[in-house]
Amino acid sequence: MPSIRIPTPLRPYTNGQSEVAINGGTIGAALADLTAQHPALKPHLYTEGGELRAFVNVFLNDEDVRHLQGAETAVNDTDRLMIVPSIAGGNTSAPLQKVDHTALRVNQACIIGLSIVAFIFNAPWLAALVAVVMAYGTARQQPGFRALYSGFLKPRGWVQPDVIPDNPEPHIFAQGFGAVVLAIGAAALLAGVSTLGWGLVWLVVALAALNLFGGFCAGCAVYYWLNRLKAPGFAKAPPPGTFPGMRPKA
C-alpha cells in the first residue's frame, strides 16, 4: 500500500500524521481515499467545485502529476507520493518545486536538432511543426517533447532524471517565447522571406544551445527581470543564490 507525505501546514488535519497510507490505483483515487480518511483535509485540497486547488501540487516520485496524466496518473505500491503546497503571490520565500532538468535538456536537444534538419533540407513545415509542439507543451505547462523523454528515453535508462529545486514557470515562459519566435520564422519562410525566416529559426537554435550547453536560459532571465519590475503574472523570483537565468545548483 503506498503512502502520501503530508506537509507540515496540513498535518493538523491528519491528526498530526506526516504520512498516510492510502488505497487507489490513480492519483485521483488516492486523494479521494486520503480525504475520506481525513475529511477536514478536503477543503484545503479542493475547491467547492471539486477541482484541486491551484496552489496544491501533488508529486509522484519527484514529478508533478500535472506534467503526467493529472488525476488519471497510475499509482503503484512502490510509488512515493507527496503534497507540496505553494504560497500564493510567489517571491523568494515561496517554496521551490522539483524540476527535472533532464526533461528540459531533452526538449532543448529536440528543438535544436529538428530546427537544424529543417534548415538543411529547407523544410519550413518542420520548423512550423517544432513551433506547434513547443506551443502545445507551453499550454500543458510542460516541455513540448516530454513524451519522448518520459515514454521512451527514461524507461530504457538512456537518460537519467536530474531533479532539483527550481521554478517551472520561467522555463515554460521561455518555451512559449521560443514557440512564438519560431512560428514567426516559419510563417516568414512560407511567405518566401527566407532571410528573416531562417534568421529567426537560428535565433531559437542559438538560445536553446546556450541553455543546453551553457546552463543559461535567456527566456528565464527575461521572466525574472519582469518579476523584478513587478509585471503581472511574473510571480516567481530566482532561487536563492542563483543568477537570474542560470541553472540552479543541485
Protein backbone atom coordinates (compact mmCIF):
# COMPACT_ATOMS: atom_id res chain seq x y z
CA MET A 1 0.00 0.00 0.00
CA PRO A 2 1.54 3.37 -1.00
CA SER A 3 1.62 6.32 1.36
CA ILE A 4 1.42 10.05 0.79
CA ARG A 5 3.59 12.55 2.63
CA ILE A 6 1.68 15.41 4.24
CA PRO A 7 3.34 18.85 4.53
CA THR A 8 3.61 20.44 7.97
CA PRO A 9 0.87 23.09 7.43
CA LEU A 10 -1.69 20.35 6.63
CA ARG A 11 -0.81 17.88 9.39
CA PRO A 12 -3.32 19.34 11.88
CA TYR A 13 -5.99 17.97 9.52
CA THR A 14 -4.47 14.46 9.52
CA ASN A 15 -4.21 14.12 13.30
CA GLY A 16 -0.56 15.13 13.15
CA GLN A 17 0.43 12.33 10.77
CA SER A 18 3.30 13.13 8.41
CA GLU A 19 2.45 10.16 6.16
CA VAL A 20 -0.87 8.46 5.49
CA ALA A 21 -1.29 5.02 3.92
CA ILE A 22 -3.72 5.20 1.01
CA ASN A 23 -5.58 2.97 -1.43
CA GLY A 24 -6.23 3.76 -5.08
CA GLY A 25 -4.85 2.90 -8.47
CA THR A 26 -4.70 6.52 -9.64
CA ILE A 27 -3.78 9.88 -8.15
CA GLY A 28 -7.46 10.87 -8.10
CA ALA A 29 -8.46 7.69 -6.28
CA ALA A 30 -5.58 8.02 -3.83
CA LEU A 31 -6.53 11.60 -2.94
CA ALA A 32 -10.17 10.57 -2.63
CA ASP A 33 -9.14 7.88 -0.14
CA LEU A 34 -6.96 10.37 1.74
CA THR A 35 -9.81 12.86 2.14
CA ALA A 36 -12.21 10.05 3.06
CA GLN A 37 -9.90 9.13 5.92
CA HIS A 38 -9.42 12.78 6.92
CA PRO A 39 -12.48 14.82 5.81
CA ALA A 40 -11.16 18.01 7.44
CA LEU A 41 -8.33 18.00 4.90
CA LYS A 42 -10.57 18.11 1.83
CA PRO A 43 -11.39 21.88 1.83
CA HIS A 44 -7.66 22.61 1.92
CA LEU A 45 -7.00 20.47 -1.17
CA TYR A 46 -10.11 21.02 -3.29
CA THR A 47 -12.29 23.93 -4.35
CA GLU A 48 -16.05 23.83 -3.82
CA GLY A 49 -16.32 22.70 -7.43
CA GLY A 50 -14.19 19.64 -6.71
CA GLU A 51 -11.06 20.86 -8.51
CA LEU A 52 -7.62 20.52 -6.95
CA ARG A 53 -6.61 23.96 -5.70
CA ALA A 54 -4.07 25.79 -7.86
CA PHE A 55 -1.56 26.12 -5.02
CA VAL A 56 -1.63 22.42 -4.17
CA ASN A 57 1.00 20.40 -6.02
CA VAL A 58 1.00 16.60 -5.93
CA PHE A 59 4.25 14.81 -6.74
CA LEU A 60 4.66 11.19 -7.78
CA ASN A 61 8.28 10.04 -7.47
CA ASP A 62 9.59 13.62 -7.76
CA GLU A 63 7.39 14.51 -10.75
CA ASP A 64 4.48 16.92 -10.62
CA VAL A 65 1.41 14.93 -11.67
CA ARG A 66 0.22 17.94 -13.68
CA HIS A 67 3.09 17.09 -16.03
CA LEU A 68 1.98 13.45 -16.22
CA GLN A 69 -1.68 12.43 -16.60
CA GLY A 70 -3.03 14.51 -13.72
CA ALA A 71 -5.66 12.73 -11.64
CA GLU A 72 -5.53 9.75 -14.02
CA THR A 73 -1.84 9.10 -13.34
CA ALA A 74 -1.38 5.47 -12.28
CA VAL A 75 -0.09 4.73 -8.76
CA ASN A 76 1.81 1.56 -7.82
CA ASP A 77 2.51 0.16 -4.37
CA THR A 78 6.17 1.22 -4.55
CA ASP A 79 5.46 4.81 -5.62
CA ARG A 80 6.17 7.79 -3.38
CA LEU A 81 3.51 10.48 -3.18
CA MET A 82 3.90 13.94 -1.69
CA ILE A 83 1.73 17.04 -1.35
CA VAL A 84 3.65 20.30 -1.74
CA PRO A 85 1.65 23.49 -1.13
CA SER A 86 2.96 26.69 -2.69
CA ILE A 87 2.43 30.20 -1.39
CA ALA A 88 0.12 32.41 -3.45
CA GLY A 89 1.80 35.51 -4.85
CA GLY A 90 5.23 33.94 -5.19
CA ASN A 91 8.51 35.50 -4.08
CA THR A 92 11.86 34.41 -2.72
CA SER A 93 10.09 32.94 0.32
CA ALA A 94 7.80 30.72 -1.78
CA PRO A 95 8.89 27.07 -1.77
CA LEU A 96 10.60 25.83 -4.90
CA GLN A 97 9.12 22.91 -6.79
CA LYS A 98 11.08 19.96 -8.13
CA VAL A 99 12.00 20.31 -11.79
CA ASP A 100 13.56 17.54 -13.88
CA HIS A 101 16.27 19.33 -15.83
CA THR A 102 16.97 16.23 -17.92
CA ALA A 103 13.47 16.61 -19.38
CA LEU A 104 14.33 20.23 -20.17
CA ARG A 105 17.62 19.28 -21.81
CA VAL A 106 15.96 16.59 -23.96
CA ASN A 107 13.43 19.21 -25.04
CA GLN A 108 16.19 21.66 -25.96
CA ALA A 109 18.11 18.99 -27.88
CA CYS A 110 15.00 18.12 -29.90
CA ILE A 111 14.36 21.78 -30.71
CA ILE A 112 17.96 22.27 -31.83
CA GLY A 113 18.20 19.05 -33.83
CA LEU A 114 14.89 19.33 -35.65
CA SER A 115 15.39 23.03 -36.43
CA ILE A 116 18.81 22.30 -37.96
CA VAL A 117 17.31 19.46 -40.01
CA ALA A 118 14.62 21.90 -41.20
CA PHE A 119 17.35 24.29 -42.35
CA ILE A 120 19.45 21.61 -44.06
CA PHE A 121 16.51 20.24 -46.02
CA ASN A 122 14.85 23.64 -46.49
CA ALA A 123 11.70 22.38 -44.77
CA PRO A 124 9.69 25.27 -43.30
CA TRP A 125 6.92 22.82 -42.39
CA LEU A 126 9.29 21.08 -39.97
CA ALA A 127 10.15 24.38 -38.28
CA ALA A 128 6.42 25.06 -38.01
CA LEU A 129 5.86 21.59 -36.51
CA VAL A 130 8.51 22.25 -33.83
CA ALA A 131 6.79 25.54 -33.02
CA VAL A 132 3.46 23.73 -32.64
CA VAL A 133 4.98 21.12 -30.29
CA MET A 134 6.56 23.89 -28.21
CA ALA A 135 3.26 25.78 -28.05
CA TYR A 136 1.40 22.60 -27.08
CA GLY A 137 3.89 21.96 -24.29
CA THR A 138 3.53 25.53 -23.07
CA ALA A 139 -0.24 25.15 -22.92
CA ARG A 140 0.22 21.90 -20.96
CA GLN A 141 2.79 23.52 -18.65
CA GLN A 142 5.48 21.00 -19.60
CA PRO A 143 8.35 20.58 -22.09
CA GLY A 144 6.94 20.07 -25.56
CA PHE A 145 8.96 16.92 -26.24
CA ARG A 146 8.41 15.48 -22.77
CA ALA A 147 6.64 12.40 -24.17
CA LEU A 148 9.87 11.36 -25.90
CA TYR A 149 11.72 11.67 -22.61
CA SER A 150 9.22 10.07 -20.22
CA GLY A 151 7.81 7.49 -22.63
CA PHE A 152 10.94 6.35 -24.47
CA LEU A 153 14.33 7.59 -23.26
CA LYS A 154 13.93 7.43 -19.47
CA PRO A 155 12.27 3.98 -19.28
CA ARG A 156 15.18 2.50 -21.26
CA GLY A 157 17.76 4.10 -18.99
CA TRP A 158 19.29 6.11 -21.83
CA VAL A 159 18.99 9.28 -19.78
CA GLN A 160 18.77 9.74 -16.02
CA PRO A 161 16.47 12.21 -14.22
CA ASP A 162 18.13 15.31 -12.81
CA VAL A 163 15.50 16.60 -10.37
CA ILE A 164 16.47 19.77 -8.50
CA PRO A 165 14.57 22.54 -6.66
CA ASP A 166 13.60 25.19 -9.18
CA ASN A 167 10.69 27.24 -10.53
CA PRO A 168 8.99 25.62 -13.54
CA GLU A 169 7.20 28.82 -14.62
CA PRO A 170 10.25 30.60 -16.15
CA HIS A 171 11.08 27.53 -18.24
CA ILE A 172 7.51 27.35 -19.53
CA PHE A 173 7.63 31.07 -20.34
CA ALA A 174 10.93 30.61 -22.19
CA GLN A 175 9.49 27.76 -24.24
CA GLY A 176 6.40 29.80 -25.09
CA PHE A 177 8.54 32.74 -26.17
CA GLY A 178 10.64 30.43 -28.34
CA ALA A 179 7.49 28.96 -29.87
CA VAL A 180 6.31 32.43 -30.89
CA VAL A 181 9.67 33.34 -32.45
CA LEU A 182 9.86 30.03 -34.30
CA ALA A 183 6.27 30.36 -35.51
CA ILE A 184 7.02 33.82 -36.92
CA GLY A 185 10.12 32.40 -38.58
CA ALA A 186 8.15 29.55 -40.14
CA ALA A 187 5.49 31.97 -41.36
CA ALA A 188 8.17 34.15 -42.94
CA LEU A 189 9.65 31.11 -44.68
CA LEU A 190 6.28 30.04 -46.02
CA ALA A 191 5.79 33.61 -47.26
CA GLY A 192 9.11 33.44 -49.12
CA VAL A 193 11.06 35.76 -46.80
CA SER A 194 13.91 33.31 -46.32
CA THR A 195 16.50 35.57 -44.69
CA LEU A 196 14.17 36.68 -41.92
CA GLY A 197 12.66 33.21 -41.52
CA TRP A 198 15.89 31.28 -41.16
CA GLY A 199 17.38 34.05 -39.06
CA LEU A 200 14.59 33.60 -36.50
CA VAL A 201 14.95 29.82 -36.64
CA TRP A 202 18.67 30.12 -35.92
CA LEU A 203 17.95 32.55 -33.10
CA VAL A 204 15.84 29.88 -31.41
CA VAL A 205 18.60 27.31 -32.06
CA ALA A 206 21.23 29.60 -30.54
CA LEU A 207 19.17 30.33 -27.41
CA ALA A 208 18.32 26.65 -26.92
CA ALA A 209 22.01 25.74 -27.35
CA LEU A 210 23.01 28.39 -24.80
CA ASN A 211 20.61 26.76 -22.37
CA LEU A 212 21.60 23.17 -23.19
CA PHE A 213 25.38 23.62 -23.23
CA GLY A 214 25.87 26.76 -21.15
CA GLY A 215 23.21 26.34 -18.49
CA PHE A 216 21.81 29.82 -19.13
CA CYS A 217 18.12 30.22 -20.03
CA ALA A 218 17.64 33.62 -21.67
CA GLY A 219 13.85 33.36 -21.53
CA CYS A 220 14.05 32.52 -17.82
CA ALA A 221 16.21 35.61 -17.28
CA VAL A 222 13.57 37.76 -19.02
CA TYR A 223 10.91 36.20 -16.76
CA TYR A 224 12.88 37.05 -13.62
CA TRP A 225 13.61 40.60 -14.80
CA LEU A 226 9.89 41.09 -15.37
CA ASN A 227 9.36 39.77 -11.85
CA ARG A 228 11.71 42.48 -10.51
CA LEU A 229 9.64 45.04 -12.39
CA LYS A 230 6.52 43.56 -10.70
CA ALA A 231 4.90 42.78 -14.05
CA PRO A 232 1.55 40.99 -13.60
CA GLY A 233 1.80 37.23 -13.91
CA PHE A 234 5.55 37.02 -13.28
CA ALA A 235 5.38 35.99 -9.64
CA LYS A 236 8.46 33.85 -9.05
CA ALA A 237 11.89 35.17 -8.07
CA PRO A 238 15.15 33.30 -8.83
CA PRO A 239 16.15 30.50 -6.46
CA PRO A 240 18.33 31.85 -3.63
CA GLY A 241 21.96 32.32 -4.65
CA THR A 242 21.21 31.84 -8.35
CA PHE A 243 21.85 34.46 -11.04
CA PRO A 244 18.62 35.05 -12.99
CA GLY A 245 18.50 32.57 -15.84
CA MET A 246 21.34 30.33 -14.66
CA ARG A 247 20.67 26.71 -13.79
CA PRO A 248 20.26 26.33 -10.01
CA LYS A 249 22.77 24.18 -8.16
CA ALA A 250 21.52 20.74 -7.21
